[in-house]
């Protein structure tokens, strides 16, 4: 019985993902350092943003992964964006 519980614990532990999640607001040109990633909001509009993660730029509408960081737009306007960022810790 103990052996079965130990095996179950190990299997469940392997399935869990160790990730950091932050919800932040950035103005155009501002950045945040998350783990070892430098995340900058390059430009924004009401329906899309351009984000740069460690020198990799991408246009994001809704959600996207940029250089290993999941970027989800919660709210955006012409000056700033509220984002949910998720990064898998290694």
C-alpha atoms as a PDB file:
ATOM      1  CA  UNK A   1       0.000   0.000   0.000  1.00  0.00           C
ATOM      2  CA  UNK A   2       2.801   2.419   0.900  1.00  0.00           C
ATOM      3  CA  UNK A   3       4.591   1.611  -2.339  1.00  0.00           C
ATOM      4  CA  UNK A   4       1.470   2.408  -4.368  1.00  0.00           C
ATOM      5  CA  UNK A   5       1.108   5.786  -2.664  1.00  0.00           C
ATOM      6  CA  UNK A   6       4.746   6.621  -3.289  1.00  0.00           C
ATOM      7  CA  UNK A   7       4.428   5.750  -6.991  1.00  0.00           C
ATOM      8  CA  UNK A   8       1.241   7.832  -7.237  1.00  0.00           C
ATOM      9  CA  UNK A   9       2.975  10.790  -5.567  1.00  0.00           C
ATOM     10  CA  UNK A  10       5.922  10.568  -7.982  1.00  0.00           C
ATOM     11  CA  UNK A  11       3.646  10.391 -11.041  1.00  0.00           C
ATOM     12  CA  UNK A  12       1.585  13.373  -9.887  1.00  0.00           C
ATOM     13  CA  UNK A  13       4.735  15.367  -9.104  1.00  0.00           C
ATOM     14  CA  UNK A  14       6.033  14.803 -12.623  1.00  0.00           C
ATOM     15  CA  UNK A  15       2.786  16.137 -14.111  1.00  0.00           C
ATOM     16  CA  UNK A  16       2.940  19.451 -12.274  1.00  0.00           C
ATOM     17  CA  UNK A  17       4.508  22.353 -14.167  1.00  0.00           C
ATOM     18  CA  UNK A  18       6.624  24.763 -12.204  1.00  0.00           C
ATOM     19  CA  UNK A  19       5.660  28.131 -13.719  1.00  0.00           C
ATOM     20  CA  UNK A  20       5.759  31.756 -12.638  1.00  0.00           C
ATOM     21  CA  UNK A  21       2.730  33.890 -13.486  1.00  0.00           C
ATOM     22  CA  UNK A  22       2.446  37.653 -13.117  1.00  0.00           C
ATOM     23  CA  UNK A  23      -0.296  40.101 -14.000  1.00  0.00           C
ATOM     24  CA  UNK A  24       1.226  43.493 -14.793  1.00  0.00           C
ATOM     25  CA  UNK A  25       0.487  46.824 -16.442  1.00  0.00           C
ATOM     26  CA  UNK A  26       3.140  48.299 -18.726  1.00  0.00           C
ATOM     27  CA  UNK A  27       3.183  51.636 -20.523  1.00  0.00           C
ATOM     28  CA  UNK A  28       4.777  51.869 -23.964  1.00  0.00           C
ATOM     29  CA  UNK A  29       8.551  51.583 -23.648  1.00  0.00           C
ATOM     30  CA  UNK A  30       8.463  50.132 -20.120  1.00  0.00           C
ATOM     31  CA  UNK A  31       9.915  46.747 -19.291  1.00  0.00           C
ATOM     32  CA  UNK A  32       9.939  44.130 -16.563  1.00  0.00           C
ATOM     33  CA  UNK A  33      12.513  41.462 -15.748  1.00  0.00           C
ATOM     34  CA  UNK A  34      10.839  38.106 -15.041  1.00  0.00           C
ATOM     35  CA  UNK A  35      13.178  35.274 -14.106  1.00  0.00           C
ATOM     36  CA  UNK A  36      15.883  35.736 -16.782  1.00  0.00           C
ATOM     37  CA  UNK A  37      13.573  37.352 -19.384  1.00  0.00           C
ATOM     38  CA  UNK A  38      13.546  41.076 -20.217  1.00  0.00           C
ATOM     39  CA  UNK A  39       9.986  41.844 -21.372  1.00  0.00           C
ATOM     40  CA  UNK A  40       9.336  45.224 -23.036  1.00  0.00           C
ATOM     41  CA  UNK A  41       6.082  46.695 -24.329  1.00  0.00           C
ATOM     42  CA  UNK A  42       7.240  48.250 -27.612  1.00  0.00           C
ATOM     43  CA  UNK A  43       3.918  49.654 -28.841  1.00  0.00           C
ATOM     44  CA  UNK A  44       0.233  49.146 -28.233  1.00  0.00           C
ATOM     45  CA  UNK A  45      -3.198  49.784 -29.701  1.00  0.00           C
ATOM     46  CA  UNK A  46      -6.672  48.811 -28.568  1.00  0.00           C
ATOM     47  CA  UNK A  47      -6.566  45.409 -30.293  1.00  0.00           C
ATOM     48  CA  UNK A  48      -2.868  44.440 -30.507  1.00  0.00           C
ATOM     49  CA  UNK A  49       0.518  45.010 -28.904  1.00  0.00           C
ATOM     50  CA  UNK A  50       4.139  44.551 -29.925  1.00  0.00           C
ATOM     51  CA  UNK A  51       6.180  42.932 -27.202  1.00  0.00           C
ATOM     52  CA  UNK A  52       9.911  42.204 -27.109  1.00  0.00           C
ATOM     53  CA  UNK A  53      11.256  39.331 -24.993  1.00  0.00           C
ATOM     54  CA  UNK A  54      15.060  39.129 -24.891  1.00  0.00           C
ATOM     55  CA  UNK A  55      15.376  40.799 -28.332  1.00  0.00           C
ATOM     56  CA  UNK A  56      12.617  38.719 -29.991  1.00  0.00           C
ATOM     57  CA  UNK A  57       9.726  40.959 -31.105  1.00  0.00           C
ATOM     58  CA  UNK A  58       6.221  39.757 -31.876  1.00  0.00           C
ATOM     59  CA  UNK A  59       2.795  41.243 -32.579  1.00  0.00           C
ATOM     60  CA  UNK A  60       0.316  39.826 -30.064  1.00  0.00           C
ATOM     61  CA  UNK A  61      -3.458  39.858 -30.504  1.00  0.00           C
ATOM     62  CA  UNK A  62      -5.185  38.043 -27.667  1.00  0.00           C
ATOM     63  CA  UNK A  63      -2.404  35.693 -26.605  1.00  0.00           C
ATOM     64  CA  UNK A  64       0.861  34.314 -27.903  1.00  0.00           C
ATOM     65  CA  UNK A  65       4.156  32.833 -26.775  1.00  0.00           C
ATOM     66  CA  UNK A  66       7.247  34.977 -27.296  1.00  0.00           C
ATOM     67  CA  UNK A  67      10.685  33.517 -26.595  1.00  0.00           C
ATOM     68  CA  UNK A  68       9.279  31.078 -24.018  1.00  0.00           C
ATOM     69  CA  UNK A  69       6.963  33.573 -22.281  1.00  0.00           C
ATOM     70  CA  UNK A  70       3.186  33.245 -22.616  1.00  0.00           C
ATOM     71  CA  UNK A  71       1.718  36.737 -23.122  1.00  0.00           C
ATOM     72  CA  UNK A  72      -2.040  37.199 -22.641  1.00  0.00           C
ATOM     73  CA  UNK A  73      -3.599  40.627 -23.192  1.00  0.00           C
ATOM     74  CA  UNK A  74      -6.088  41.356 -20.433  1.00  0.00           C
ATOM     75  CA  UNK A  75      -6.726  44.959 -21.527  1.00  0.00           C
ATOM     76  CA  UNK A  76      -4.987  47.370 -23.893  1.00  0.00           C
ATOM     77  CA  UNK A  77      -5.328  50.983 -24.970  1.00  0.00           C
ATOM     78  CA  UNK A  78      -3.173  53.420 -26.926  1.00  0.00           C
ATOM     79  CA  UNK A  79      -0.816  54.116 -23.999  1.00  0.00           C
ATOM     80  CA  UNK A  80      -0.548  50.929 -21.934  1.00  0.00           C
ATOM     81  CA  UNK A  81      -1.503  47.280 -21.651  1.00  0.00           C
ATOM     82  CA  UNK A  82      -2.475  44.995 -18.795  1.00  0.00           C
ATOM     83  CA  UNK A  83      -0.868  41.612 -19.393  1.00  0.00           C
ATOM     84  CA  UNK A  84      -0.763  38.175 -17.829  1.00  0.00           C
ATOM     85  CA  UNK A  85       2.710  36.711 -18.273  1.00  0.00           C
ATOM     86  CA  UNK A  86       3.597  33.087 -17.648  1.00  0.00           C
ATOM     87  CA  UNK A  87       7.097  31.656 -17.797  1.00  0.00           C
ATOM     88  CA  UNK A  88       8.096  28.077 -17.115  1.00  0.00           C
ATOM     89  CA  UNK A  89      10.781  27.949 -14.438  1.00  0.00           C
ATOM     90  CA  UNK A  90      13.674  25.604 -15.108  1.00  0.00           C
END
